[in-house]
């Protein structure tokens, strides 16, 4: 088991990638603190972990509240005795951003309020800062540890109507680089994953919506790689598990000398693209002979 004897905190673990990660980490031997602003969702994740033979606790906390994050770390250390892994995964999208693509509210950038900005900044960047800060004392007491943050492909490339979100995720990348230098002396590694595909539709849904448990691509119906815009053509869609496995790699000893990296997980060559389109880019249904 890759995480035997380890204790991990995962924020935003009540649904989506965080929930998948909690199950995967626990299956690899970690005891997991499932942190989420929605306590009921956190409890549901714990039940899934326990049903699969793992060990977990639920902690309700808003990561934009520094005291709440410190409290989550304190609760975890009291329950499990230490902290080895902090995965700052919780995130929110800008109001009027990607949800507008799915028929939601459309908001022009100049009409976004300071409250809108403070919300996305508070969760996506301040929440990561607080998670890192709170984890360091416990990790130093251990003689080291691993911090992982969830960034985004939007930190590398532009997406419509989520400039605020993109700014916070780019900030995460800079934070990871800086902390890898500052915390390396304590044996603490700091990295980030930047998912492109294989993420949860819950990210676009109202708070409290039922947890889908699949990626955008999986929940969209039958998969046809020839129609997908992803350059890499495989016989199955990208999944939450694909992203969780990259996270597992970065928090395990398999990546013992990797620090300061933001890794584009589940990219499939998407970020390599240019703005031009070519004849070869046209959808090719049945490309793999399904």
C-alpha atoms as a PDB file:
ATOM      1  CA  UNK A   1       0.000   0.000   0.000  1.00  0.00           C
ATOM      2  CA  UNK A   2       1.368   3.372  -1.027  1.00  0.00           C
ATOM      3  CA  UNK A   3       0.051   5.311   1.995  1.00  0.00           C
ATOM      4  CA  UNK A   4       0.290   2.701   4.742  1.00  0.00           C
ATOM      5  CA  UNK A   5       0.420   4.404   8.150  1.00  0.00           C
ATOM      6  CA  UNK A   6      -0.152   7.895   6.715  1.00  0.00           C
ATOM      7  CA  UNK A   7      -2.731  10.432   7.892  1.00  0.00           C
ATOM      8  CA  UNK A   8      -4.274  12.696   5.270  1.00  0.00           C
ATOM      9  CA  UNK A   9      -6.608  15.683   5.239  1.00  0.00           C
ATOM     10  CA  UNK A  10      -8.578  16.324   2.047  1.00  0.00           C
ATOM     11  CA  UNK A  11     -10.593  19.527   1.828  1.00  0.00           C
ATOM     12  CA  UNK A  12     -13.664  19.649  -0.382  1.00  0.00           C
ATOM     13  CA  UNK A  13     -13.917  15.871   0.042  1.00  0.00           C
ATOM     14  CA  UNK A  14     -17.701  15.746   0.316  1.00  0.00           C
ATOM     15  CA  UNK A  15     -18.088  15.291  -3.438  1.00  0.00           C
ATOM     16  CA  UNK A  16     -16.265  15.094  -6.751  1.00  0.00           C
ATOM     17  CA  UNK A  17     -12.507  14.646  -6.888  1.00  0.00           C
ATOM     18  CA  UNK A  18     -12.122  15.039  -3.124  1.00  0.00           C
ATOM     19  CA  UNK A  19     -14.561  12.200  -2.432  1.00  0.00           C
ATOM     20  CA  UNK A  20     -12.850   9.975  -5.008  1.00  0.00           C
ATOM     21  CA  UNK A  21      -9.475  10.864  -3.527  1.00  0.00           C
ATOM     22  CA  UNK A  22     -10.609  10.022   0.004  1.00  0.00           C
ATOM     23  CA  UNK A  23     -11.674   6.557  -1.124  1.00  0.00           C
ATOM     24  CA  UNK A  24      -8.463   5.972  -3.065  1.00  0.00           C
ATOM     25  CA  UNK A  25      -6.154   7.223  -0.303  1.00  0.00           C
ATOM     26  CA  UNK A  26      -7.961   5.081   2.273  1.00  0.00           C
ATOM     27  CA  UNK A  27      -7.704   2.018   0.005  1.00  0.00           C
ATOM     28  CA  UNK A  28      -3.949   2.630  -0.050  1.00  0.00           C
ATOM     29  CA  UNK A  29      -3.735   2.560   3.738  1.00  0.00           C
ATOM     30  CA  UNK A  30      -4.218   6.198   4.788  1.00  0.00           C
ATOM     31  CA  UNK A  31      -6.497   7.360   7.567  1.00  0.00           C
ATOM     32  CA  UNK A  32      -8.397  10.293   6.104  1.00  0.00           C
ATOM     33  CA  UNK A  33     -10.004  13.424   7.510  1.00  0.00           C
ATOM     34  CA  UNK A  34     -12.812  14.322   5.110  1.00  0.00           C
ATOM     35  CA  UNK A  35     -13.193  18.113   5.319  1.00  0.00           C
ATOM     36  CA  UNK A  36     -16.117  19.866   3.657  1.00  0.00           C
ATOM     37  CA  UNK A  37     -18.318  22.898   4.196  1.00  0.00           C
ATOM     38  CA  UNK A  38     -21.288  20.523   3.844  1.00  0.00           C
ATOM     39  CA  UNK A  39     -21.147  18.244   6.878  1.00  0.00           C
ATOM     40  CA  UNK A  40     -23.722  15.827   5.505  1.00  0.00           C
ATOM     41  CA  UNK A  41     -21.704  15.281   2.345  1.00  0.00           C
ATOM     42  CA  UNK A  42     -18.574  14.735   4.438  1.00  0.00           C
ATOM     43  CA  UNK A  43     -20.386  12.067   6.457  1.00  0.00           C
ATOM     44  CA  UNK A  44     -21.518  10.366   3.251  1.00  0.00           C
ATOM     45  CA  UNK A  45     -17.915  10.193   2.064  1.00  0.00           C
ATOM     46  CA  UNK A  46     -16.842   8.684   5.381  1.00  0.00           C
ATOM     47  CA  UNK A  47     -19.526   6.000   5.025  1.00  0.00           C
ATOM     48  CA  UNK A  48     -18.219   5.114   1.568  1.00  0.00           C
ATOM     49  CA  UNK A  49     -14.664   4.858   2.898  1.00  0.00           C
ATOM     50  CA  UNK A  50     -15.744   2.675   5.816  1.00  0.00           C
ATOM     51  CA  UNK A  51     -17.847   0.422   3.582  1.00  0.00           C
ATOM     52  CA  UNK A  52     -14.672  -0.239   1.607  1.00  0.00           C
ATOM     53  CA  UNK A  53     -12.740  -1.127   4.759  1.00  0.00           C
ATOM     54  CA  UNK A  54     -10.994   2.217   5.255  1.00  0.00           C
ATOM     55  CA  UNK A  55     -10.735   4.625   8.182  1.00  0.00           C
ATOM     56  CA  UNK A  56     -11.988   8.221   8.029  1.00  0.00           C
ATOM     57  CA  UNK A  57     -13.568  11.016  10.021  1.00  0.00           C
ATOM     58  CA  UNK A  58     -15.795  13.864   8.873  1.00  0.00           C
ATOM     59  CA  UNK A  59     -14.918  17.467   9.702  1.00  0.00           C
ATOM     60  CA  UNK A  60     -17.172  20.377   8.788  1.00  0.00           C
ATOM     61  CA  UNK A  61     -15.176  23.477   7.895  1.00  0.00           C
ATOM     62  CA  UNK A  62     -15.205  26.453   5.536  1.00  0.00           C
ATOM     63  CA  UNK A  63     -11.686  26.731   4.127  1.00  0.00           C
ATOM     64  CA  UNK A  64     -12.071  30.488   3.619  1.00  0.00           C
ATOM     65  CA  UNK A  65     -12.160  30.763   7.442  1.00  0.00           C
ATOM     66  CA  UNK A  66      -8.595  30.454   8.724  1.00  0.00           C
ATOM     67  CA  UNK A  67      -9.646  29.490  12.247  1.00  0.00           C
ATOM     68  CA  UNK A  68     -11.866  26.736  10.871  1.00  0.00           C
ATOM     69  CA  UNK A  69      -8.969  25.267   8.882  1.00  0.00           C
ATOM     70  CA  UNK A  70      -6.707  25.282  11.927  1.00  0.00           C
ATOM     71  CA  UNK A  71      -9.519  23.608  13.832  1.00  0.00           C
ATOM     72  CA  UNK A  72      -9.782  20.884  11.201  1.00  0.00           C
ATOM     73  CA  UNK A  73      -6.064  20.144  11.514  1.00  0.00           C
ATOM     74  CA  UNK A  74      -6.307  20.099  15.306  1.00  0.00           C
ATOM     75  CA  UNK A  75      -9.239  17.668  15.166  1.00  0.00           C
ATOM     76  CA  UNK A  76      -7.338  15.410  12.781  1.00  0.00           C
ATOM     77  CA  UNK A  77      -4.209  15.314  14.925  1.00  0.00           C
ATOM     78  CA  UNK A  78      -6.264  14.653  18.047  1.00  0.00           C
ATOM     79  CA  UNK A  79      -8.040  11.754  16.325  1.00  0.00           C
ATOM     80  CA  UNK A  80      -5.145  10.185  14.415  1.00  0.00           C
ATOM     81  CA  UNK A  81      -2.071  11.441  16.274  1.00  0.00           C
ATOM     82  CA  UNK A  82      -0.290  13.188  13.402  1.00  0.00           C
ATOM     83  CA  UNK A  83      -0.600  14.667   9.910  1.00  0.00           C
ATOM     84  CA  UNK A  84       1.396  13.508   6.892  1.00  0.00           C
ATOM     85  CA  UNK A  85      -0.627  14.760   3.915  1.00  0.00           C
ATOM     86  CA  UNK A  86      -2.628  17.931   3.332  1.00  0.00           C
ATOM     87  CA  UNK A  87      -4.590  18.036   0.075  1.00  0.00           C
ATOM     88  CA  UNK A  88      -6.058  21.529  -0.331  1.00  0.00           C
ATOM     89  CA  UNK A  89      -8.672  20.503  -2.866  1.00  0.00           C
ATOM     90  CA  UNK A  90     -11.725  22.660  -2.093  1.00  0.00           C
ATOM     91  CA  UNK A  91     -12.673  25.112  -4.836  1.00  0.00           C
ATOM     92  CA  UNK A  92     -15.502  27.143  -6.323  1.00  0.00           C
ATOM     93  CA  UNK A  93     -16.081  28.608  -9.759  1.00  0.00           C
ATOM     94  CA  UNK A  94     -16.698  32.306 -10.412  1.00  0.00           C
ATOM     95  CA  UNK A  95     -20.340  33.402 -10.458  1.00  0.00           C
ATOM     96  CA  UNK A  96     -21.608  33.538 -14.023  1.00  0.00           C
ATOM     97  CA  UNK A  97     -18.638  31.570 -15.263  1.00  0.00           C
ATOM     98  CA  UNK A  98     -18.664  28.021 -16.536  1.00  0.00           C
ATOM     99  CA  UNK A  99     -22.233  27.440 -15.281  1.00  0.00           C
ATOM    100  CA  UNK A 100     -23.444  29.835 -17.986  1.00  0.00           C
ATOM    101  CA  UNK A 101     -22.282  27.281 -20.541  1.00  0.00           C
ATOM    102  CA  UNK A 102     -24.653  24.777 -18.944  1.00  0.00           C
ATOM    103  CA  UNK A 103     -27.593  27.182 -19.121  1.00  0.00           C
ATOM    104  CA  UNK A 104     -26.868  29.012 -15.892  1.00  0.00           C
ATOM    105  CA  UNK A 105     -26.468  32.681 -15.090  1.00  0.00           C
ATOM    106  CA  UNK A 106     -24.408  34.800 -17.484  1.00  0.00           C
ATOM    107  CA  UNK A 107     -22.596  37.726 -15.828  1.00  0.00           C
ATOM    108  CA  UNK A 108     -20.291  40.190 -17.569  1.00  0.00           C
ATOM    109  CA  UNK A 109     -16.926  40.679 -15.887  1.00  0.00           C
ATOM    110  CA  UNK A 110     -17.589  44.344 -15.093  1.00  0.00           C
ATOM    111  CA  UNK A 111     -20.833  43.391 -13.335  1.00  0.00           C
ATOM    112  CA  UNK A 112     -19.203  41.015 -10.875  1.00  0.00           C
ATOM    113  CA  UNK A 113     -19.183  42.420  -7.347  1.00  0.00           C
ATOM    114  CA  UNK A 114     -16.476  42.596  -4.741  1.00  0.00           C
ATOM    115  CA  UNK A 115     -18.395  39.901  -2.858  1.00  0.00           C
ATOM    116  CA  UNK A 116     -18.114  37.652  -5.930  1.00  0.00           C
ATOM    117  CA  UNK A 117     -14.357  38.205  -6.035  1.00  0.00           C
ATOM    118  CA  UNK A 118     -13.872  37.713  -2.293  1.00  0.00           C
ATOM    119  CA  UNK A 119     -15.798  34.430  -2.451  1.00  0.00           C
ATOM    120  CA  UNK A 120     -13.720  32.824  -5.201  1.00  0.00           C
ATOM    121  CA  UNK A 121     -10.504  34.300  -3.785  1.00  0.00           C
ATOM    122  CA  UNK A 122     -11.350  33.169  -0.258  1.00  0.00           C
ATOM    123  CA  UNK A 123     -11.948  29.545  -1.177  1.00  0.00           C
ATOM    124  CA  UNK A 124      -9.554  28.982  -4.080  1.00  0.00           C
ATOM    125  CA  UNK A 125      -6.469  30.854  -2.907  1.00  0.00           C
ATOM    126  CA  UNK A 126      -6.822  31.978   0.712  1.00  0.00           C
ATOM    127  CA  UNK A 127      -8.221  28.532   1.519  1.00  0.00           C
ATOM    128  CA  UNK A 128      -5.098  26.920   0.092  1.00  0.00           C
ATOM    129  CA  UNK A 129      -2.855  29.344   1.994  1.00  0.00           C
ATOM    130  CA  UNK A 130      -4.672  28.582   5.262  1.00  0.00           C
ATOM    131  CA  UNK A 131      -4.497  24.831   4.619  1.00  0.00           C
ATOM    132  CA  UNK A 132      -0.757  25.022   4.021  1.00  0.00           C
ATOM    133  CA  UNK A 133      -0.141  27.208   7.069  1.00  0.00           C
ATOM    134  CA  UNK A 134      -2.179  25.005   9.354  1.00  0.00           C
ATOM    135  CA  UNK A 135      -0.457  21.842   8.156  1.00  0.00           C
ATOM    136  CA  UNK A 136       3.138  22.983   8.574  1.00  0.00           C
ATOM    137  CA  UNK A 137       3.511  22.747  12.395  1.00  0.00           C
ATOM    138  CA  UNK A 138       2.186  19.167  12.475  1.00  0.00           C
ATOM    139  CA  UNK A 139       4.364  18.174   9.514  1.00  0.00           C
ATOM    140  CA  UNK A 140       7.465  19.738  11.039  1.00  0.00           C
ATOM    141  CA  UNK A 141       6.761  17.734  14.198  1.00  0.00           C
ATOM    142  CA  UNK A 142       6.782  14.606  11.999  1.00  0.00           C
ATOM    143  CA  UNK A 143      10.042  15.543  10.328  1.00  0.00           C
ATOM    144  CA  UNK A 144       8.305  16.142   7.000  1.00  0.00           C
ATOM    145  CA  UNK A 145       5.132  15.737   4.975  1.00  0.00           C
ATOM    146  CA  UNK A 146       3.432  16.422   1.705  1.00  0.00           C
ATOM    147  CA  UNK A 147       1.147  19.272   0.672  1.00  0.00           C
ATOM    148  CA  UNK A 148      -0.923  19.009  -2.487  1.00  0.00           C
ATOM    149  CA  UNK A 149      -3.178  21.692  -3.961  1.00  0.00           C
ATOM    150  CA  UNK A 150      -5.798  21.393  -6.680  1.00  0.00           C
ATOM    151  CA  UNK A 151      -5.099  23.965  -9.358  1.00  0.00           C
ATOM    152  CA  UNK A 152      -6.724  23.912 -12.810  1.00  0.00           C
ATOM    153  CA  UNK A 153      -6.029  23.890 -16.524  1.00  0.00           C
ATOM    154  CA  UNK A 154      -7.522  27.394 -16.327  1.00  0.00           C
ATOM    155  CA  UNK A 155      -4.287  28.482 -14.650  1.00  0.00           C
ATOM    156  CA  UNK A 156      -2.500  27.792 -17.950  1.00  0.00           C
ATOM    157  CA  UNK A 157      -5.108  28.570 -20.622  1.00  0.00           C
ATOM    158  CA  UNK A 158      -8.086  30.916 -20.911  1.00  0.00           C
ATOM    159  CA  UNK A 159     -11.656  29.718 -20.482  1.00  0.00           C
ATOM    160  CA  UNK A 160     -14.648  31.962 -21.122  1.00  0.00           C
ATOM    161  CA  UNK A 161     -16.078  34.016 -18.249  1.00  0.00           C
ATOM    162  CA  UNK A 162     -13.910  32.676 -15.406  1.00  0.00           C
ATOM    163  CA  UNK A 163     -11.065  35.196 -15.291  1.00  0.00           C
ATOM    164  CA  UNK A 164     -11.384  35.522 -11.510  1.00  0.00           C
ATOM    165  CA  UNK A 165     -11.249  31.754 -11.093  1.00  0.00           C
ATOM    166  CA  UNK A 166      -8.251  31.541 -13.435  1.00  0.00           C
ATOM    167  CA  UNK A 167      -6.438  34.213 -11.434  1.00  0.00           C
ATOM    168  CA  UNK A 168      -6.860  32.312  -8.180  1.00  0.00           C
ATOM    169  CA  UNK A 169      -5.653  29.072  -9.725  1.00  0.00           C
ATOM    170  CA  UNK A 170      -2.608  30.787 -11.223  1.00  0.00           C
ATOM    171  CA  UNK A 171      -1.974  32.087  -7.709  1.00  0.00           C
ATOM    172  CA  UNK A 172      -2.019  28.503  -6.438  1.00  0.00           C
ATOM    173  CA  UNK A 173       0.748  27.617  -8.904  1.00  0.00           C
ATOM    174  CA  UNK A 174       2.878  30.501  -7.663  1.00  0.00           C
ATOM    175  CA  UNK A 175       2.229  29.564  -4.042  1.00  0.00           C
ATOM    176  CA  UNK A 176       3.330  25.987  -4.717  1.00  0.00           C
ATOM    177  CA  UNK A 177       6.597  27.142  -6.268  1.00  0.00           C
ATOM    178  CA  UNK A 178       7.343  29.518  -3.404  1.00  0.00           C
ATOM    179  CA  UNK A 179       6.489  27.066  -0.643  1.00  0.00           C
ATOM    180  CA  UNK A 180       8.545  24.292  -2.200  1.00  0.00           C
ATOM    181  CA  UNK A 181      11.555  26.530  -1.610  1.00  0.00           C
ATOM    182  CA  UNK A 182      10.532  27.755   1.845  1.00  0.00           C
ATOM    183  CA  UNK A 183       9.358  24.428   3.277  1.00  0.00           C
ATOM    184  CA  UNK A 184      11.812  22.054   1.637  1.00  0.00           C
ATOM    185  CA  UNK A 185      14.265  22.532   4.497  1.00  0.00           C
ATOM    186  CA  UNK A 186      11.722  20.840   6.775  1.00  0.00           C
ATOM    187  CA  UNK A 187      11.277  17.840   4.518  1.00  0.00           C
ATOM    188  CA  UNK A 188       7.920  19.123   3.293  1.00  0.00           C
ATOM    189  CA  UNK A 189       7.104  18.715  -0.402  1.00  0.00           C
ATOM    190  CA  UNK A 190       4.556  21.011  -2.074  1.00  0.00           C
ATOM    191  CA  UNK A 191       2.916  20.272  -5.435  1.00  0.00           C
ATOM    192  CA  UNK A 192      -0.326  20.811  -7.319  1.00  0.00           C
ATOM    193  CA  UNK A 193      -2.419  18.992  -9.874  1.00  0.00           C
ATOM    194  CA  UNK A 194      -4.154  20.929 -12.641  1.00  0.00           C
ATOM    195  CA  UNK A 195      -7.045  18.797 -13.951  1.00  0.00           C
ATOM    196  CA  UNK A 196      -8.249  19.493 -17.474  1.00  0.00           C
ATOM    197  CA  UNK A 197     -10.775  16.696 -17.971  1.00  0.00           C
ATOM    198  CA  UNK A 198     -12.341  14.038 -15.759  1.00  0.00           C
ATOM    199  CA  UNK A 199     -13.831  16.394 -13.173  1.00  0.00           C
ATOM    200  CA  UNK A 200     -17.215  16.364 -11.457  1.00  0.00           C
ATOM    201  CA  UNK A 201     -20.386  18.035 -12.799  1.00  0.00           C
ATOM    202  CA  UNK A 202     -21.126  18.964  -9.182  1.00  0.00           C
ATOM    203  CA  UNK A 203     -18.641  21.781  -9.651  1.00  0.00           C
ATOM    204  CA  UNK A 204     -21.200  23.475 -11.904  1.00  0.00           C
ATOM    205  CA  UNK A 205     -24.239  22.702  -9.774  1.00  0.00           C
ATOM    206  CA  UNK A 206     -25.990  24.502  -6.967  1.00  0.00           C
ATOM    207  CA  UNK A 207     -24.710  23.820  -3.451  1.00  0.00           C
ATOM    208  CA  UNK A 208     -26.448  20.794  -2.000  1.00  0.00           C
ATOM    209  CA  UNK A 209     -27.224  19.173  -5.364  1.00  0.00           C
ATOM    210  CA  UNK A 210     -27.032  15.358  -5.398  1.00  0.00           C
ATOM    211  CA  UNK A 211     -23.474  14.064  -5.785  1.00  0.00           C
ATOM    212  CA  UNK A 212     -23.047  12.702  -9.300  1.00  0.00           C
ATOM    213  CA  UNK A 213     -20.005  10.505  -8.659  1.00  0.00           C
ATOM    214  CA  UNK A 214     -18.872  10.630 -12.287  1.00  0.00           C
ATOM    215  CA  UNK A 215     -16.864  12.973 -14.486  1.00  0.00           C
ATOM    216  CA  UNK A 216     -18.419  15.418 -16.969  1.00  0.00           C
ATOM    217  CA  UNK A 217     -17.489  13.101 -19.784  1.00  0.00           C
ATOM    218  CA  UNK A 218     -18.824   9.941 -18.115  1.00  0.00           C
ATOM    219  CA  UNK A 219     -22.139  11.539 -17.234  1.00  0.00           C
ATOM    220  CA  UNK A 220     -22.654  12.932 -20.756  1.00  0.00           C
ATOM    221  CA  UNK A 221     -23.695   9.557 -22.135  1.00  0.00           C
ATOM    222  CA  UNK A 222     -22.070   7.049 -24.518  1.00  0.00           C
ATOM    223  CA  UNK A 223     -18.408   7.860 -25.157  1.00  0.00           C
ATOM    224  CA  UNK A 224     -17.142   8.474 -28.666  1.00  0.00           C
ATOM    225  CA  UNK A 225     -13.456   9.386 -28.749  1.00  0.00           C
ATOM    226  CA  UNK A 226     -13.785  10.500 -32.361  1.00  0.00           C
ATOM    227  CA  UNK A 227     -16.176  13.284 -31.368  1.00  0.00           C
ATOM    228  CA  UNK A 228     -14.261  14.341 -28.261  1.00  0.00           C
ATOM    229  CA  UNK A 229     -11.992  17.410 -28.683  1.00  0.00           C
ATOM    230  CA  UNK A 230      -9.318  15.714 -26.530  1.00  0.00           C
ATOM    231  CA  UNK A 231      -6.331  14.957 -28.795  1.00  0.00           C
ATOM    232  CA  UNK A 232      -5.604  11.663 -27.018  1.00  0.00           C
ATOM    233  CA  UNK A 233      -8.089   9.083 -28.278  1.00  0.00           C
ATOM    234  CA  UNK A 234      -8.869   6.285 -25.818  1.00  0.00           C
ATOM    235  CA  UNK A 235     -11.755   3.859 -25.655  1.00  0.00           C
ATOM    236  CA  UNK A 236     -13.094   5.298 -22.400  1.00  0.00           C
ATOM    237  CA  UNK A 237     -13.727   8.812 -21.086  1.00  0.00           C
ATOM    238  CA  UNK A 238     -11.497  10.498 -18.507  1.00  0.00           C
ATOM    239  CA  UNK A 239     -12.686   9.928 -14.946  1.00  0.00           C
ATOM    240  CA  UNK A 240     -12.381  11.231 -11.407  1.00  0.00           C
ATOM    241  CA  UNK A 241     -10.226   8.184 -10.687  1.00  0.00           C
ATOM    242  CA  UNK A 242      -7.714   9.320 -13.318  1.00  0.00           C
ATOM    243  CA  UNK A 243      -7.219  12.599 -11.471  1.00  0.00           C
ATOM    244  CA  UNK A 244      -7.197  10.927  -8.044  1.00  0.00           C
ATOM    245  CA  UNK A 245      -4.428   8.563  -9.147  1.00  0.00           C
ATOM    246  CA  UNK A 246      -2.237  11.514 -10.143  1.00  0.00           C
ATOM    247  CA  UNK A 247      -2.888  13.020  -6.714  1.00  0.00           C
ATOM    248  CA  UNK A 248      -1.937   9.696  -5.117  1.00  0.00           C
ATOM    249  CA  UNK A 249       1.346   9.689  -7.037  1.00  0.00           C
ATOM    250  CA  UNK A 250       2.208  13.198  -5.843  1.00  0.00           C
ATOM    251  CA  UNK A 251       1.510  12.501  -2.159  1.00  0.00           C
ATOM    252  CA  UNK A 252       3.176   9.077  -2.086  1.00  0.00           C
ATOM    253  CA  UNK A 253       6.833   8.147  -1.866  1.00  0.00           C
ATOM    254  CA  UNK A 254       6.722   7.367  -5.592  1.00  0.00           C
ATOM    255  CA  UNK A 255       7.324  11.098  -6.081  1.00  0.00           C
ATOM    256  CA  UNK A 256       9.717  11.507  -3.146  1.00  0.00           C
ATOM    257  CA  UNK A 257      11.928  14.058  -4.923  1.00  0.00           C
ATOM    258  CA  UNK A 258       9.245  16.045  -6.742  1.00  0.00           C
ATOM    259  CA  UNK A 259       8.403  19.452  -5.271  1.00  0.00           C
ATOM    260  CA  UNK A 260       7.275  22.798  -6.679  1.00  0.00           C
ATOM    261  CA  UNK A 261       5.449  21.178  -9.613  1.00  0.00           C
ATOM    262  CA  UNK A 262       1.988  21.871 -11.019  1.00  0.00           C
ATOM    263  CA  UNK A 263       1.140  18.777 -13.048  1.00  0.00           C
ATOM    264  CA  UNK A 264      -1.604  18.984 -15.725  1.00  0.00           C
ATOM    265  CA  UNK A 265      -3.474  15.810 -14.798  1.00  0.00           C
ATOM    266  CA  UNK A 266      -5.816  14.178 -17.340  1.00  0.00           C
ATOM    267  CA  UNK A 267      -4.690  16.634 -19.982  1.00  0.00           C
ATOM    268  CA  UNK A 268      -4.647  14.248 -22.916  1.00  0.00           C
ATOM    269  CA  UNK A 269      -2.762  16.800 -25.007  1.00  0.00           C
ATOM    270  CA  UNK A 270      -5.479  19.472 -24.731  1.00  0.00           C
ATOM    271  CA  UNK A 271      -3.143  22.188 -23.455  1.00  0.00           C
ATOM    272  CA  UNK A 272      -0.782  21.560 -26.371  1.00  0.00           C
ATOM    273  CA  UNK A 273      -3.337  22.925 -28.836  1.00  0.00           C
ATOM    274  CA  UNK A 274      -3.125  26.146 -30.816  1.00  0.00           C
ATOM    275  CA  UNK A 275      -6.062  28.432 -31.609  1.00  0.00           C
ATOM    276  CA  UNK A 276      -6.223  27.320 -35.227  1.00  0.00           C
ATOM    277  CA  UNK A 277      -8.407  24.453 -36.396  1.00  0.00           C
ATOM    278  CA  UNK A 278      -7.511  21.984 -39.111  1.00  0.00           C
ATOM    279  CA  UNK A 279      -9.358  19.500 -41.264  1.00  0.00           C
ATOM    280  CA  UNK A 280      -8.027  16.695 -39.100  1.00  0.00           C
ATOM    281  CA  UNK A 281      -9.754  18.251 -36.067  1.00  0.00           C
ATOM    282  CA  UNK A 282     -13.258  17.594 -37.385  1.00  0.00           C
ATOM    283  CA  UNK A 283     -15.260  15.074 -35.319  1.00  0.00           C
ATOM    284  CA  UNK A 284     -14.710  11.512 -36.513  1.00  0.00           C
ATOM    285  CA  UNK A 285     -17.471   9.360 -34.988  1.00  0.00           C
ATOM    286  CA  UNK A 286     -16.521   5.729 -34.616  1.00  0.00           C
ATOM    287  CA  UNK A 287     -12.804   6.541 -34.885  1.00  0.00           C
ATOM    288  CA  UNK A 288     -11.806   3.558 -32.749  1.00  0.00           C
ATOM    289  CA  UNK A 289     -14.252   1.195 -34.383  1.00  0.00           C
ATOM    290  CA  UNK A 290     -16.772   1.031 -31.560  1.00  0.00           C
END
